[in-house]
Protein backbone atom coordinates (compact mmCIF):
# COMPACT_ATOMS: atom_id res chain seq x y z
CA MET A 1 189.81 122.91 -2.05
CA GLN A 2 193.28 121.46 -3.02
CA THR A 3 196.03 123.18 -4.41
CA ALA A 4 198.41 121.78 -6.85
CA THR A 5 202.07 123.29 -7.70
CA SER A 6 202.84 121.65 -10.75
CA ILE A 7 200.39 120.70 -13.77
CA LYS A 8 201.85 116.73 -13.07
CA ASP A 9 200.43 117.05 -9.54
CA ALA A 10 197.35 118.65 -10.74
CA LEU A 11 196.96 115.56 -12.98
CA LEU A 12 197.14 112.77 -10.90
CA ASN A 13 194.24 114.80 -9.14
CA ILE A 14 192.25 115.89 -11.70
CA ASP A 15 188.88 116.16 -10.01
CA SER A 16 190.01 117.33 -6.77
CA ILE A 17 192.18 120.48 -7.62
CA THR A 18 190.70 123.69 -7.50
CA ILE A 19 194.00 125.78 -7.14
CA LEU A 20 196.97 125.81 -9.72
CA GLN A 21 199.87 127.67 -8.29
CA LEU A 22 202.30 127.70 -10.98
CA SER A 23 204.40 130.66 -10.17
CA ARG A 24 208.08 131.74 -10.11
CA GLN A 25 208.51 128.30 -12.21
CA TYR A 26 210.24 129.99 -15.04
CA LEU A 27 207.74 127.90 -17.41
CA LYS A 28 208.18 128.71 -21.24
CA GLU A 29 205.27 127.34 -22.36
CA LEU A 30 201.83 125.22 -20.89
CA PRO A 31 200.87 122.04 -21.51
CA ALA A 32 197.47 121.75 -23.60
CA SER A 33 196.64 118.94 -21.22
CA ILE A 34 195.80 121.75 -18.36
CA GLY A 35 192.89 122.16 -20.72
CA LYS A 36 191.74 118.57 -19.06
CA LEU A 37 191.70 120.40 -15.01
CA LYS A 38 188.31 121.25 -15.20
CA ASN A 39 187.54 122.38 -11.94
CA ILE A 40 190.20 124.83 -11.70
CA ASN A 41 188.60 128.41 -10.40
CA LEU A 42 192.15 130.15 -9.62
CA LEU A 43 195.26 129.47 -11.78
CA ASN A 44 198.32 131.80 -10.98
CA LEU A 45 201.32 131.88 -13.40
CA TRP A 46 202.83 134.99 -11.61
CA LEU A 47 206.79 135.35 -12.46
CA ASN A 48 206.87 132.92 -15.51
CA ASN A 49 208.75 133.72 -18.66
CA LEU A 50 205.30 132.75 -20.51
CA THR A 51 204.59 134.62 -24.73
CA GLU A 52 201.13 132.89 -24.72
CA LEU A 53 198.37 130.77 -23.18
CA PRO A 54 197.50 127.78 -24.72
CA ALA A 55 193.87 127.58 -26.29
CA GLU A 56 192.92 124.88 -23.86
CA ILE A 57 192.73 127.81 -21.35
CA ALA A 58 189.12 128.17 -22.34
CA GLN A 59 188.22 124.95 -21.57
CA LEU A 60 189.11 125.61 -17.76
CA GLU A 61 185.06 126.77 -17.45
CA LYS A 62 185.20 127.32 -13.65
CA LEU A 63 188.09 129.91 -13.80
CA MET A 64 187.69 132.69 -11.68
CA THR A 65 190.94 134.13 -11.01
CA ILE A 66 194.37 134.17 -13.14
CA ASP A 67 197.10 136.01 -12.46
CA ILE A 68 199.33 136.06 -15.67
CA SER A 69 201.56 139.31 -14.09
CA ASN A 70 205.34 139.42 -14.56
CA ASN A 71 205.23 137.34 -17.84
CA ASN A 72 206.38 137.94 -21.17
CA PHE A 73 203.17 138.55 -23.17
CA ALA A 74 203.59 140.76 -26.33
CA SER A 75 199.84 141.53 -26.07
CA PHE A 76 196.73 140.88 -23.84
CA PRO A 77 196.24 137.23 -23.91
CA GLU A 78 192.81 136.76 -26.38
CA VAL A 79 191.88 133.25 -25.03
CA LEU A 80 190.72 135.09 -21.95
CA PHE A 81 188.13 136.70 -23.90
CA SER A 82 186.42 132.88 -24.89
CA GLU A 83 183.03 132.50 -24.25
CA SER A 84 183.56 129.75 -21.87
CA LEU A 85 185.48 132.34 -19.74
CA GLN A 86 183.08 134.89 -19.55
CA HIS A 87 182.68 134.16 -15.61
CA LEU A 88 186.49 136.03 -14.81
CA LYS A 89 186.28 137.59 -11.95
CA ASN A 90 189.91 138.68 -11.30
CA ILE A 91 192.28 139.08 -13.67
CA ASN A 92 196.08 139.93 -12.62
CA ALA A 93 197.93 141.56 -15.54
CA ARG A 94 200.91 143.35 -13.83
CA PHE A 95 204.30 144.03 -15.54
CA LEU A 96 203.49 142.71 -18.87
CA GLN A 97 204.83 145.60 -21.18
CA LEU A 98 201.43 145.87 -22.41
CA ASN A 99 200.85 148.41 -25.40
CA ASP A 100 197.07 147.85 -25.23
CA VAL A 101 194.15 146.26 -23.82
CA PRO A 102 191.59 144.76 -26.36
CA ALA A 103 188.32 146.16 -26.63
CA GLN A 104 187.11 142.66 -25.95
CA ILE A 105 188.03 143.67 -22.52
CA GLY A 106 184.50 144.79 -22.32
CA THR A 107 183.14 141.05 -23.18
CA LEU A 108 183.98 140.45 -19.53
CA GLN A 109 180.65 141.16 -17.73
CA GLN A 110 181.17 139.43 -14.38
CA LEU A 111 184.98 140.61 -13.80
CA GLU A 112 185.35 142.55 -10.32
CA TYR A 113 188.66 143.31 -10.23
CA LEU A 114 191.53 143.91 -13.17
CA ASP A 115 195.43 144.82 -12.20
CA LEU A 116 197.12 146.29 -15.16
CA THR A 117 199.98 148.10 -12.93
CA GLY A 118 203.50 148.51 -14.55
CA ASN A 119 202.27 148.03 -18.49
CA LYS A 120 202.63 151.12 -21.01
CA LEU A 121 199.35 151.17 -21.76
CA LYS A 122 198.85 155.30 -23.04
CA VAL A 123 194.80 154.45 -23.49
CA LEU A 124 192.24 151.97 -22.43
CA PRO A 125 189.40 151.00 -24.97
CA GLN A 126 185.46 152.78 -24.45
CA GLU A 127 184.46 149.12 -24.05
CA ILE A 128 186.17 149.10 -20.35
CA GLY A 129 182.94 150.79 -19.37
CA ASN A 130 180.67 147.73 -20.18
CA LEU A 131 182.53 145.99 -17.09
CA SER A 132 179.42 146.86 -15.04
CA GLN A 133 180.59 144.37 -11.79
CA LEU A 134 184.11 146.05 -11.62
CA THR A 135 184.79 147.18 -8.10
CA THR A 136 188.34 147.68 -8.18
CA LEU A 137 190.59 149.02 -10.88
CA ARG A 138 194.57 149.55 -10.66
CA LEU A 139 196.12 151.24 -13.33
CA ASN A 140 199.76 152.46 -11.70
CA GLN A 141 202.93 152.65 -13.65
CA ASN A 142 201.57 152.89 -16.97
CA SER A 143 201.59 156.29 -19.47
CA LEU A 144 198.07 157.07 -19.33
CA THR A 145 197.10 161.33 -19.58
CA THR A 146 193.42 160.29 -18.70
CA ILE A 147 190.88 157.27 -18.88
CA PRO A 148 187.58 156.82 -20.97
CA ASP A 149 184.36 158.84 -19.98
CA THR A 150 183.01 155.12 -20.04
CA LEU A 151 183.99 154.57 -17.12
CA ILE A 152 180.85 156.37 -15.16
CA LYS A 153 178.94 153.20 -16.32
CA CYS A 154 180.81 150.89 -14.12
CA LYS A 155 178.44 151.85 -11.33
CA LYS A 156 179.95 149.09 -8.87
CA LEU A 157 183.55 150.85 -9.35
CA LYS A 158 184.88 151.50 -5.64
CA VAL A 159 188.54 152.44 -6.00
CA LEU A 160 190.55 153.19 -8.92
CA HIS A 161 194.36 153.01 -8.35
CA ILE A 162 196.21 155.47 -11.15
CA GLN A 163 199.55 156.70 -9.66
CA SER A 164 202.57 157.09 -11.45
CA ASN A 165 201.04 158.25 -14.90
CA PRO A 166 200.86 161.59 -16.08
CA ILE A 167 197.39 161.82 -15.96
CA LEU A 168 195.45 165.16 -16.04
CA SER A 169 193.69 166.90 -13.14
CA ARG A 170 192.01 164.93 -10.52
CA GLU A 171 189.10 166.66 -11.40
CA GLU A 172 188.92 165.58 -15.05
CA ILE A 173 189.29 161.88 -13.57
CA GLN A 174 186.39 162.13 -10.89
CA SER A 175 184.21 163.34 -13.59
CA ARG A 176 184.81 160.31 -15.77
CA VAL A 177 183.85 157.66 -12.81
CA PRO A 178 180.79 156.80 -10.46
CA GLU A 179 180.69 159.42 -7.63
CA THR A 180 181.37 157.04 -5.08
CA CYS A 181 184.58 155.81 -6.36
CA VAL A 182 188.07 156.21 -4.59
CA ILE A 183 190.13 157.73 -6.53
CA VAL A 184 194.14 156.97 -5.71
CA PHE A 185 196.68 159.06 -7.37
């Protein structure tokens, strides 16, 4: 497992780089050449100035974890729903000021960890209940008043973080998640 902290370094070692750490580089865009890094399984883009992800991200077929937190996306990057990325296991999308999460989130059947902390979410799509492998869902610091009743279908959900939301009652939330899920208010 080899780590690179710049795309230039990663391209020099194109076959051996599995982790690309590009956090805190204040990048405004990613080059299309990122798609050449076929062995990347972790891509950290935390704390940049990105407004979109290039379509070439879909070429990272081994990508398991992506952190797009603290960027300037106007909406959830649709490229993450590409068929070639259906094996994603971890998405960190904190503090993006997102107003919604697309229904396509439900297509990420292998997703185990989803962090949507610090956005402007008022509702979640019903399709979030299709995330059959989801174990951790972080929804802190949003504007949620409820959660979809379809979350009960996420049988592997172990922890739901819901602090700092104008959420309804604990009982209502508990009735919408599996019995074994711990709710952190």
